[in-house]
N, C-alpha and C. Protein backbone atom coordinates (compact mmCIF):
# COMPACT_ATOMS: atom_id res chain seq x y z
N UNK A 1 96.52 100.74 111.24
CA UNK A 1 96.96 101.90 112.00
C UNK A 1 98.30 101.61 112.63
N UNK A 2 99.06 102.68 112.84
CA UNK A 2 100.33 102.51 113.54
C UNK A 2 100.61 103.76 114.37
N UNK A 3 101.35 103.58 115.42
CA UNK A 3 101.77 104.67 116.29
C UNK A 3 103.20 105.04 115.96
N UNK A 4 103.48 106.33 115.88
CA UNK A 4 104.85 106.80 115.65
C UNK A 4 105.12 107.93 116.61
N UNK A 5 106.27 107.92 117.22
CA UNK A 5 106.71 108.99 118.11
C UNK A 5 108.02 109.54 117.56
N UNK A 6 108.11 110.86 117.46
CA UNK A 6 109.32 111.45 116.90
C UNK A 6 109.53 112.85 117.44
N UNK A 7 110.73 113.34 117.22
CA UNK A 7 111.10 114.69 117.64
C UNK A 7 111.57 115.45 116.40
N UNK A 8 111.06 116.68 116.26
CA UNK A 8 111.45 117.54 115.15
C UNK A 8 112.31 118.67 115.71
N UNK A 9 113.51 118.79 115.17
CA UNK A 9 114.45 119.84 115.57
C UNK A 9 114.28 121.05 114.65
N UNK A 10 114.30 122.24 115.24
CA UNK A 10 114.29 123.47 114.46
C UNK A 10 115.70 124.07 114.59
N UNK A 11 116.59 123.78 113.64
CA UNK A 11 117.97 124.23 113.77
C UNK A 11 118.13 125.74 113.83
N UNK A 12 117.30 126.46 113.06
CA UNK A 12 117.40 127.92 113.00
C UNK A 12 116.06 128.53 113.34
N UNK A 13 116.01 129.29 114.42
CA UNK A 13 114.77 129.96 114.83
C UNK A 13 114.23 130.80 113.68
N UNK A 14 112.91 130.73 113.50
CA UNK A 14 112.28 131.50 112.44
C UNK A 14 112.27 130.80 111.09
N UNK A 15 112.85 129.60 111.02
CA UNK A 15 112.86 128.83 109.78
C UNK A 15 112.06 127.56 110.03
N UNK A 16 110.86 127.51 109.51
CA UNK A 16 109.96 126.38 109.78
C UNK A 16 110.48 125.08 109.18
N UNK A 17 110.09 123.97 109.83
CA UNK A 17 110.51 122.63 109.44
C UNK A 17 109.26 121.77 109.27
N UNK A 18 109.19 121.04 108.19
CA UNK A 18 108.05 120.18 107.92
C UNK A 18 108.13 118.91 108.74
N UNK A 19 106.99 118.45 109.24
CA UNK A 19 106.94 117.27 110.08
C UNK A 19 107.49 116.03 109.40
N UNK A 20 107.31 115.87 108.13
CA UNK A 20 107.73 114.64 107.46
C UNK A 20 109.24 114.58 107.20
N UNK A 21 109.98 115.57 107.68
CA UNK A 21 111.44 115.57 107.51
C UNK A 21 112.04 114.64 108.57
N UNK A 22 112.64 113.56 108.16
CA UNK A 22 113.26 112.62 109.09
C UNK A 22 112.22 111.86 109.91
N UNK A 23 112.69 111.08 110.84
CA UNK A 23 111.81 110.37 111.75
C UNK A 23 111.06 109.20 111.14
N UNK A 24 111.35 108.87 109.89
CA UNK A 24 110.72 107.73 109.27
C UNK A 24 109.34 107.98 108.69
N UNK A 25 108.85 109.21 108.75
CA UNK A 25 107.56 109.52 108.16
C UNK A 25 107.69 109.75 106.67
N UNK A 26 106.62 109.52 105.96
CA UNK A 26 106.52 109.88 104.55
C UNK A 26 105.57 111.07 104.46
N UNK A 27 105.78 111.92 103.48
CA UNK A 27 104.94 113.11 103.31
C UNK A 27 103.47 112.74 103.16
N UNK A 28 103.19 111.57 102.61
CA UNK A 28 101.81 111.18 102.36
C UNK A 28 101.19 110.36 103.49
N UNK A 29 101.93 110.09 104.56
CA UNK A 29 101.34 109.39 105.70
C UNK A 29 100.14 110.18 106.21
N UNK A 30 99.07 109.49 106.53
CA UNK A 30 97.84 110.13 106.99
C UNK A 30 97.80 110.11 108.53
N UNK A 31 97.65 111.29 109.12
CA UNK A 31 97.58 111.42 110.58
C UNK A 31 96.12 111.41 111.00
N UNK A 32 95.79 110.47 111.90
CA UNK A 32 94.44 110.39 112.45
C UNK A 32 94.36 111.13 113.78
N UNK A 33 95.43 111.11 114.54
CA UNK A 33 95.49 111.72 115.88
C UNK A 33 96.91 112.21 116.09
N UNK A 34 97.04 113.37 116.74
CA UNK A 34 98.36 113.99 116.93
C UNK A 34 98.45 114.60 118.31
N UNK A 35 99.57 114.41 118.97
CA UNK A 35 99.88 115.14 120.21
C UNK A 35 101.27 115.74 120.01
N UNK A 36 101.39 117.04 120.31
CA UNK A 36 102.66 117.75 120.17
C UNK A 36 102.94 118.52 121.45
N UNK A 37 104.22 118.56 121.84
CA UNK A 37 104.62 119.37 122.98
C UNK A 37 106.07 119.80 122.82
N UNK A 38 106.40 120.93 123.42
CA UNK A 38 107.77 121.40 123.40
C UNK A 38 108.64 120.54 124.29
N UNK A 39 109.90 120.33 123.91
CA UNK A 39 110.83 119.55 124.73
C UNK A 39 111.07 120.27 126.05
N UNK A 40 111.17 119.54 127.15
CA UNK A 40 111.39 120.17 128.46
C UNK A 40 112.64 121.03 128.53
N UNK A 41 113.68 120.70 127.76
CA UNK A 41 114.92 121.49 127.83
C UNK A 41 114.99 122.60 126.79
N UNK A 42 113.89 122.88 126.08
CA UNK A 42 113.86 124.02 125.17
C UNK A 42 114.10 125.31 125.96
N UNK A 43 114.73 126.28 125.33
CA UNK A 43 114.95 127.55 126.01
C UNK A 43 113.95 128.62 125.58
N UNK A 44 113.16 128.32 124.56
CA UNK A 44 112.16 129.27 124.08
C UNK A 44 110.86 128.56 123.76
N UNK A 45 109.98 129.28 123.11
CA UNK A 45 108.68 128.75 122.71
C UNK A 45 108.79 128.12 121.32
N UNK A 46 108.12 126.98 121.15
CA UNK A 46 108.02 126.34 119.83
C UNK A 46 106.60 126.53 119.32
N UNK A 47 106.42 126.38 118.02
CA UNK A 47 105.12 126.63 117.39
C UNK A 47 104.78 125.51 116.42
N UNK A 48 103.50 125.13 116.38
CA UNK A 48 103.00 124.14 115.44
C UNK A 48 101.93 124.80 114.59
N UNK A 49 101.92 124.48 113.30
CA UNK A 49 100.92 125.04 112.41
C UNK A 49 101.01 124.43 111.04
N UNK A 50 100.52 125.18 110.06
CA UNK A 50 100.61 124.74 108.68
C UNK A 50 101.79 125.44 108.02
N UNK A 51 101.84 125.48 106.72
CA UNK A 51 103.05 125.93 106.01
C UNK A 51 103.47 127.37 106.30
N UNK A 52 102.60 128.17 106.90
CA UNK A 52 102.97 129.55 107.22
C UNK A 52 103.22 129.75 108.72
N UNK A 53 103.49 128.67 109.45
CA UNK A 53 103.70 128.77 110.89
C UNK A 53 104.87 129.72 111.20
N UNK A 54 104.71 130.47 112.28
CA UNK A 54 105.76 131.39 112.73
C UNK A 54 105.45 131.75 114.18
N UNK A 55 106.26 132.60 114.76
CA UNK A 55 106.04 133.04 116.14
C UNK A 55 104.74 133.83 116.27
N UNK A 56 104.25 134.38 115.18
CA UNK A 56 103.00 135.15 115.23
C UNK A 56 101.82 134.41 114.61
N UNK A 57 102.07 133.22 114.08
CA UNK A 57 101.02 132.48 113.40
C UNK A 57 101.20 130.98 113.63
N UNK A 58 100.86 130.53 114.81
CA UNK A 58 100.99 129.12 115.13
C UNK A 58 100.52 128.87 116.55
N UNK A 59 100.38 127.61 116.91
CA UNK A 59 99.99 127.22 118.26
C UNK A 59 101.26 127.16 119.11
N UNK A 60 101.32 127.92 120.20
CA UNK A 60 102.51 128.01 121.04
C UNK A 60 102.65 126.80 121.95
N UNK A 61 103.86 126.27 122.02
CA UNK A 61 104.19 125.14 122.89
C UNK A 61 105.31 125.57 123.82
N UNK A 62 105.01 125.69 125.08
CA UNK A 62 106.02 126.07 126.07
C UNK A 62 106.75 124.82 126.54
N UNK A 63 107.98 124.98 126.99
CA UNK A 63 108.78 123.83 127.42
C UNK A 63 108.31 123.23 128.74
N UNK A 64 107.51 123.94 129.51
CA UNK A 64 107.06 123.42 130.80
C UNK A 64 105.60 122.96 130.75
N UNK A 65 105.04 122.81 129.58
CA UNK A 65 103.65 122.42 129.40
C UNK A 65 103.57 120.92 129.17
N UNK A 66 103.00 120.19 130.12
CA UNK A 66 102.89 118.74 129.98
C UNK A 66 101.76 118.32 129.05
N UNK A 67 100.84 119.22 128.75
CA UNK A 67 99.68 118.87 127.93
C UNK A 67 99.97 119.07 126.45
N UNK A 68 100.50 120.22 126.08
CA UNK A 68 100.78 120.49 124.68
C UNK A 68 99.52 120.67 123.86
N UNK A 69 99.53 120.12 122.67
CA UNK A 69 98.42 120.23 121.73
C UNK A 69 98.00 118.83 121.32
N UNK A 70 96.70 118.55 121.40
CA UNK A 70 96.16 117.27 120.95
C UNK A 70 95.08 117.54 119.92
N UNK A 71 95.18 116.87 118.77
CA UNK A 71 94.20 116.99 117.70
C UNK A 71 93.73 115.60 117.29
N UNK A 72 92.42 115.38 117.32
CA UNK A 72 91.85 114.10 116.93
C UNK A 72 91.05 114.30 115.66
N UNK A 73 91.67 114.04 114.54
CA UNK A 73 91.01 114.22 113.25
C UNK A 73 89.95 113.16 113.00
N UNK A 74 90.07 112.00 113.67
CA UNK A 74 89.07 110.94 113.52
C UNK A 74 87.71 111.44 113.98
N UNK A 75 87.70 112.20 115.07
CA UNK A 75 86.45 112.74 115.61
C UNK A 75 85.77 113.70 114.66
N UNK A 76 86.52 114.23 113.73
CA UNK A 76 85.97 115.14 112.74
C UNK A 76 85.71 114.43 111.41
N UNK A 77 85.91 113.12 111.42
CA UNK A 77 85.66 112.32 110.23
C UNK A 77 86.76 112.39 109.19
N UNK A 78 87.98 112.69 109.62
CA UNK A 78 89.01 112.85 108.61
C UNK A 78 90.41 112.53 109.09
N UNK A 79 91.36 113.05 108.35
CA UNK A 79 92.77 112.87 108.61
C UNK A 79 93.51 113.95 107.81
N UNK A 80 94.77 114.16 108.14
CA UNK A 80 95.60 115.09 107.37
C UNK A 80 96.90 114.40 107.00
N UNK A 81 97.55 114.92 105.99
CA UNK A 81 98.84 114.37 105.59
C UNK A 81 99.94 114.91 106.51
N UNK A 82 100.96 114.10 106.73
CA UNK A 82 102.09 114.51 107.56
C UNK A 82 102.73 115.77 107.00
N UNK A 83 102.74 115.93 105.71
CA UNK A 83 103.37 117.10 105.09
C UNK A 83 102.62 118.40 105.35
N UNK A 84 101.41 118.32 105.93
CA UNK A 84 100.64 119.52 106.24
C UNK A 84 101.03 120.14 107.58
N UNK A 85 101.83 119.46 108.37
CA UNK A 85 102.20 119.93 109.71
C UNK A 85 103.62 120.48 109.69
N UNK A 86 103.77 121.68 110.22
CA UNK A 86 105.06 122.36 110.26
C UNK A 86 105.34 122.84 111.68
N UNK A 87 106.62 123.01 112.02
CA UNK A 87 107.01 123.55 113.32
C UNK A 87 108.02 124.68 113.12
N UNK A 88 108.07 125.56 114.08
CA UNK A 88 109.04 126.65 114.13
C UNK A 88 109.38 126.86 115.60
N UNK A 89 110.38 127.65 115.86
CA UNK A 89 110.78 127.91 117.24
C UNK A 89 111.36 129.31 117.36
N UNK A 90 111.30 129.83 118.57
CA UNK A 90 111.84 131.17 118.85
C UNK A 90 113.34 131.12 119.14
N UNK A 91 113.87 129.92 119.38
CA UNK A 91 115.28 129.76 119.73
C UNK A 91 115.89 128.65 118.88
N UNK A 92 117.10 128.86 118.41
CA UNK A 92 117.80 127.84 117.63
C UNK A 92 117.86 126.52 118.38
N UNK A 93 117.68 125.43 117.66
CA UNK A 93 117.84 124.06 118.15
C UNK A 93 116.76 123.62 119.15
N UNK A 94 115.68 124.36 119.28
CA UNK A 94 114.57 123.88 120.10
C UNK A 94 113.83 122.79 119.33
N UNK A 95 113.11 121.95 120.06
CA UNK A 95 112.51 120.76 119.47
C UNK A 95 111.04 120.62 119.87
N UNK A 96 110.30 119.90 119.03
CA UNK A 96 108.91 119.56 119.32
C UNK A 96 108.79 118.05 119.25
N UNK A 97 108.18 117.47 120.29
CA UNK A 97 107.94 116.03 120.36
C UNK A 97 106.54 115.74 119.84
N UNK A 98 106.41 114.66 119.07
CA UNK A 98 105.12 114.27 118.51
C UNK A 98 104.83 112.81 118.84
N UNK A 99 103.58 112.53 119.14
CA UNK A 99 103.02 111.18 119.14
C UNK A 99 101.93 111.21 118.08
N UNK A 100 101.96 110.26 117.16
CA UNK A 100 101.04 110.26 116.02
C UNK A 100 100.38 108.90 115.87
N UNK A 101 99.09 108.90 115.63
CA UNK A 101 98.40 107.71 115.21
C UNK A 101 98.18 107.86 113.71
N UNK A 102 98.77 106.95 112.94
CA UNK A 102 98.76 107.04 111.48
C UNK A 102 97.89 105.96 110.89
N UNK A 103 97.30 106.29 109.76
CA UNK A 103 96.44 105.34 109.06
C UNK A 103 97.30 104.29 108.36
């Protein structure tokens, strides 16, 4: 297992970005546990989801939320690939921070 922490930038609002883009992840890395939160200096809402994530179809992450989203796939007996996680944002250049426990 290994821990990885990274930030995903959404350069253009409404254009989703795959988690495995940059940050040293590989598309096939297996995520056992994930925590995501919007960057404190974001000016809008960010969203986490699967390949169809958008402002109307995703988990909302506000910039003032210290908790964010935590998913423990181990507790469900599984894991997901890094390439299954996508982010989007309502404002250009907003970011999502991730802490990941990888297999």
